[in-house]
């Protein structure tokens, strides 16, 4: 699991944060049955990946006093991934008698849905290992594709909401862990906007549940 949380604190307090501690883990959905079908369901391997991710979360936060809130893209593969994560976490928390981890209801978020156009690009002949960069740099060639900057704007919107939430809540309560289940294009657009690098320069494609 590639865990890269972002923590938000009150910028006016450098020694002791006065805001609630919030961590964000944004992950790509599990492996799907077909990459050219935008409505494809998860493969068996994708379901397994979601379960393994959930167990890794439990191992990481088992001794923490934490509230877990899962948000998901409305696309089938992301929604299914999030639902498996939720069910696996709930089962593990109950069966192991873990009282310090509270799991809230999983909710969809339109801000985590991205371009939805990669399948069409692949059908047009773009190789699967080049399709994300094709979208990043040539999106205007595909009328159905959302602009990368718009995807980044969506992500910034939910990040801003999380930051405002942390500033509004008391600091002495359990920390909040957001798990956002989205798509490779979300990660790639965000990283590209920050670094200006393509996927190869950033180390390759974003893996499933990474």
Protein backbone atom coordinates (compact mmCIF):
# COMPACT_ATOMS: atom_id res chain seq x y z
CA UNK A 1 0.00 0.00 0.00
CA UNK A 2 1.29 3.42 -0.93
CA UNK A 3 0.15 5.65 1.93
CA UNK A 4 0.76 9.31 1.39
CA UNK A 5 -1.46 11.22 3.87
CA UNK A 6 -1.80 14.97 3.93
CA UNK A 7 -2.19 16.51 7.37
CA UNK A 8 -3.72 19.94 7.88
CA UNK A 9 -2.98 22.15 10.87
CA UNK A 10 -3.64 25.72 11.89
CA UNK A 11 -0.91 27.82 10.18
CA UNK A 12 -0.91 30.24 13.12
CA UNK A 13 0.13 27.55 15.58
CA UNK A 14 3.47 25.92 14.75
CA UNK A 15 4.14 24.16 18.04
CA UNK A 16 0.81 22.56 18.89
CA UNK A 17 -1.92 22.23 16.24
CA UNK A 18 -5.29 23.52 17.39
CA UNK A 19 -7.24 21.81 14.62
CA UNK A 20 -8.36 18.21 14.43
CA UNK A 21 -5.80 15.95 12.83
CA UNK A 22 -6.98 14.69 9.44
CA UNK A 23 -5.24 12.27 7.13
CA UNK A 24 -6.19 11.65 3.51
CA UNK A 25 -5.40 8.50 1.57
CA UNK A 26 -6.38 8.77 -2.08
CA UNK A 27 -6.29 5.43 -3.90
CA UNK A 28 -7.00 4.14 -7.36
CA UNK A 29 -9.79 1.58 -7.68
CA UNK A 30 -9.03 -2.13 -8.01
CA UNK A 31 -8.29 -3.96 -11.24
CA UNK A 32 -11.26 -4.04 -13.58
CA UNK A 33 -12.41 -6.66 -16.06
CA UNK A 34 -12.11 -4.40 -19.12
CA UNK A 35 -10.20 -1.14 -19.51
CA UNK A 36 -12.06 -0.16 -22.66
CA UNK A 37 -15.47 -0.42 -20.98
CA UNK A 38 -16.14 2.58 -18.70
CA UNK A 39 -18.83 0.58 -16.89
CA UNK A 40 -16.63 -2.45 -16.27
CA UNK A 41 -16.85 -4.18 -12.90
CA UNK A 42 -13.89 -5.30 -10.84
CA UNK A 43 -12.12 -8.50 -11.71
CA UNK A 44 -11.59 -11.17 -9.05
CA UNK A 45 -8.09 -9.81 -8.59
CA UNK A 46 -9.51 -6.30 -8.12
CA UNK A 47 -11.81 -7.55 -5.37
CA UNK A 48 -8.85 -9.21 -3.67
CA UNK A 49 -6.83 -5.99 -3.92
CA UNK A 50 -9.60 -4.06 -2.15
CA UNK A 51 -9.73 -6.63 0.65
CA UNK A 52 -5.95 -6.59 1.10
CA UNK A 53 -5.96 -2.79 1.22
CA UNK A 54 -8.54 -2.89 4.00
CA UNK A 55 -6.46 -5.30 6.08
CA UNK A 56 -3.43 -3.05 5.62
CA UNK A 57 -5.48 -0.11 6.91
CA UNK A 58 -6.47 -2.09 10.01
CA UNK A 59 -2.84 -3.03 10.65
CA UNK A 60 -1.72 0.58 10.25
CA UNK A 61 -4.35 2.15 12.50
CA UNK A 62 -5.16 -0.68 14.92
CA UNK A 63 -3.71 1.20 17.90
CA UNK A 64 -4.97 4.66 16.92
CA UNK A 65 -8.09 6.43 18.07
CA UNK A 66 -9.47 7.18 14.63
CA UNK A 67 -12.66 7.80 12.68
CA UNK A 68 -12.61 6.43 9.11
CA UNK A 69 -14.68 8.14 6.45
CA UNK A 70 -14.69 6.69 2.92
CA UNK A 71 -15.67 8.67 -0.16
CA UNK A 72 -15.90 7.16 -3.62
CA UNK A 73 -16.17 8.05 -7.26
CA UNK A 74 -19.56 7.18 -8.70
CA UNK A 75 -18.01 5.00 -11.43
CA UNK A 76 -18.81 1.29 -11.01
CA UNK A 77 -15.23 0.11 -10.49
CA UNK A 78 -14.48 2.77 -7.87
CA UNK A 79 -17.81 2.39 -6.11
CA UNK A 80 -17.42 -1.38 -5.96
CA UNK A 81 -13.87 -1.01 -4.61
CA UNK A 82 -15.04 1.35 -1.87
CA UNK A 83 -17.91 -0.94 -0.90
CA UNK A 84 -15.56 -3.90 -0.53
CA UNK A 85 -13.18 -1.80 1.58
CA UNK A 86 -16.07 -0.69 3.77
CA UNK A 87 -17.44 -4.19 4.25
CA UNK A 88 -14.02 -5.68 4.99
CA UNK A 89 -13.17 -2.94 7.50
CA UNK A 90 -16.53 -3.30 9.24
CA UNK A 91 -16.15 -7.07 9.50
CA UNK A 92 -12.59 -6.86 10.81
CA UNK A 93 -13.47 -4.17 13.37
CA UNK A 94 -16.39 -6.24 14.68
CA UNK A 95 -14.68 -9.64 14.65
CA UNK A 96 -11.50 -8.36 16.32
CA UNK A 97 -13.40 -6.26 18.83
CA UNK A 98 -11.58 -3.07 17.82
CA UNK A 99 -13.22 -0.25 19.76
CA UNK A 100 -10.84 2.60 18.93
CA UNK A 101 -11.65 2.62 15.19
CA UNK A 102 -15.03 3.99 14.15
CA UNK A 103 -16.22 3.52 10.58
CA UNK A 104 -18.71 6.03 9.21
CA UNK A 105 -21.07 5.53 6.30
CA UNK A 106 -19.42 5.50 2.88
CA UNK A 107 -20.68 8.17 0.50
CA UNK A 108 -20.25 8.92 -3.22
CA UNK A 109 -18.60 12.15 -4.35
CA UNK A 110 -18.94 13.67 -7.79
CA UNK A 111 -15.59 15.41 -7.20
CA UNK A 112 -13.77 12.05 -7.29
CA UNK A 113 -15.15 11.09 -10.69
CA UNK A 114 -12.65 11.97 -13.41
CA UNK A 115 -12.46 11.94 -17.20
CA UNK A 116 -14.22 8.73 -18.23
CA UNK A 117 -12.60 9.02 -21.67
CA UNK A 118 -9.61 6.69 -21.48
CA UNK A 119 -11.56 3.74 -22.84
CA UNK A 120 -12.46 5.70 -25.97
CA UNK A 121 -8.84 6.73 -26.39
CA UNK A 122 -7.74 3.10 -26.21
CA UNK A 123 -10.39 2.14 -28.75
CA UNK A 124 -8.93 4.86 -30.99
CA UNK A 125 -5.57 3.08 -30.86
CA UNK A 126 -3.73 4.73 -27.97
CA UNK A 127 -1.68 2.06 -26.11
CA UNK A 128 -2.76 1.44 -22.53
CA UNK A 129 0.63 2.52 -21.17
CA UNK A 130 0.37 5.85 -23.03
CA UNK A 131 -3.28 6.67 -22.56
CA UNK A 132 -2.95 8.77 -19.38
CA UNK A 133 -0.29 11.00 -20.91
CA UNK A 134 -2.40 11.26 -24.07
CA UNK A 135 -5.17 12.62 -21.88
CA UNK A 136 -2.87 14.97 -19.94
CA UNK A 137 -1.35 16.57 -23.03
CA UNK A 138 -3.88 16.04 -25.83
CA UNK A 139 -7.27 16.03 -24.10
CA UNK A 140 -8.61 18.62 -26.55
CA UNK A 141 -8.60 15.95 -29.28
CA UNK A 142 -11.34 14.09 -27.42
CA UNK A 143 -14.59 16.03 -26.98
CA UNK A 144 -15.83 13.68 -24.25
CA UNK A 145 -12.69 14.14 -22.12
CA UNK A 146 -12.67 16.39 -19.08
CA UNK A 147 -9.75 18.82 -18.90
CA UNK A 148 -6.99 17.82 -16.45
CA UNK A 149 -7.19 21.23 -14.77
CA UNK A 150 -10.87 20.62 -14.07
CA UNK A 151 -10.06 17.30 -12.40
CA UNK A 152 -7.43 19.04 -10.27
CA UNK A 153 -10.02 21.67 -9.37
CA UNK A 154 -12.39 18.96 -8.19
CA UNK A 155 -9.72 17.42 -5.98
CA UNK A 156 -8.74 20.79 -4.56
CA UNK A 157 -12.36 21.31 -3.65
CA UNK A 158 -12.56 18.18 -1.49
CA UNK A 159 -9.11 18.85 -0.02
CA UNK A 160 -10.24 22.35 0.94
CA UNK A 161 -13.39 20.95 2.54
CA UNK A 162 -11.29 18.53 4.60
CA UNK A 163 -9.02 21.34 5.74
CA UNK A 164 -11.96 23.50 6.79
CA UNK A 165 -13.41 20.54 8.69
CA UNK A 166 -10.17 20.06 10.60
CA UNK A 167 -10.12 23.72 11.60
CA UNK A 168 -13.72 23.55 12.79
CA UNK A 169 -13.43 20.50 15.05
CA UNK A 170 -11.79 20.27 18.50
CA UNK A 171 -8.21 18.99 18.46
CA UNK A 172 -8.64 16.64 21.43
CA UNK A 173 -11.04 14.31 19.64
CA UNK A 174 -10.10 11.23 17.53
CA UNK A 175 -8.28 11.97 14.30
CA UNK A 176 -10.14 11.51 11.05
CA UNK A 177 -8.91 9.31 8.22
CA UNK A 178 -10.42 10.00 4.82
CA UNK A 179 -10.07 7.25 2.21
CA UNK A 180 -10.91 8.56 -1.24
CA UNK A 181 -11.41 5.91 -3.91
CA UNK A 182 -10.91 7.43 -7.33
CA UNK A 183 -9.02 6.89 -10.60
CA UNK A 184 -5.51 6.92 -12.01
CA UNK A 185 -6.29 10.11 -13.88
CA UNK A 186 -6.98 11.93 -10.60
CA UNK A 187 -3.55 11.07 -9.22
CA UNK A 188 -1.83 11.81 -12.52
CA UNK A 189 -3.54 15.16 -13.05
CA UNK A 190 -2.74 16.30 -9.51
CA UNK A 191 0.92 15.22 -9.69
CA UNK A 192 1.31 16.71 -13.16
CA UNK A 193 -0.11 20.03 -11.99
CA UNK A 194 2.39 20.13 -9.13
CA UNK A 195 5.51 18.84 -10.90
CA UNK A 196 4.87 19.34 -14.62
CA UNK A 197 6.07 15.76 -15.21
CA UNK A 198 4.44 13.00 -17.22
CA UNK A 199 3.73 9.52 -15.84
CA UNK A 200 7.06 8.05 -16.97
CA UNK A 201 8.99 10.90 -15.33
CA UNK A 202 6.99 10.35 -12.15
CA UNK A 203 7.94 6.68 -12.01
CA UNK A 204 5.21 5.02 -14.06
CA UNK A 205 1.49 4.45 -13.84
CA UNK A 206 -0.43 4.53 -10.58
CA UNK A 207 -1.14 0.96 -9.53
CA UNK A 208 -4.45 -0.39 -8.31
CA UNK A 209 -5.17 0.51 -4.67
CA UNK A 210 -2.03 2.67 -4.74
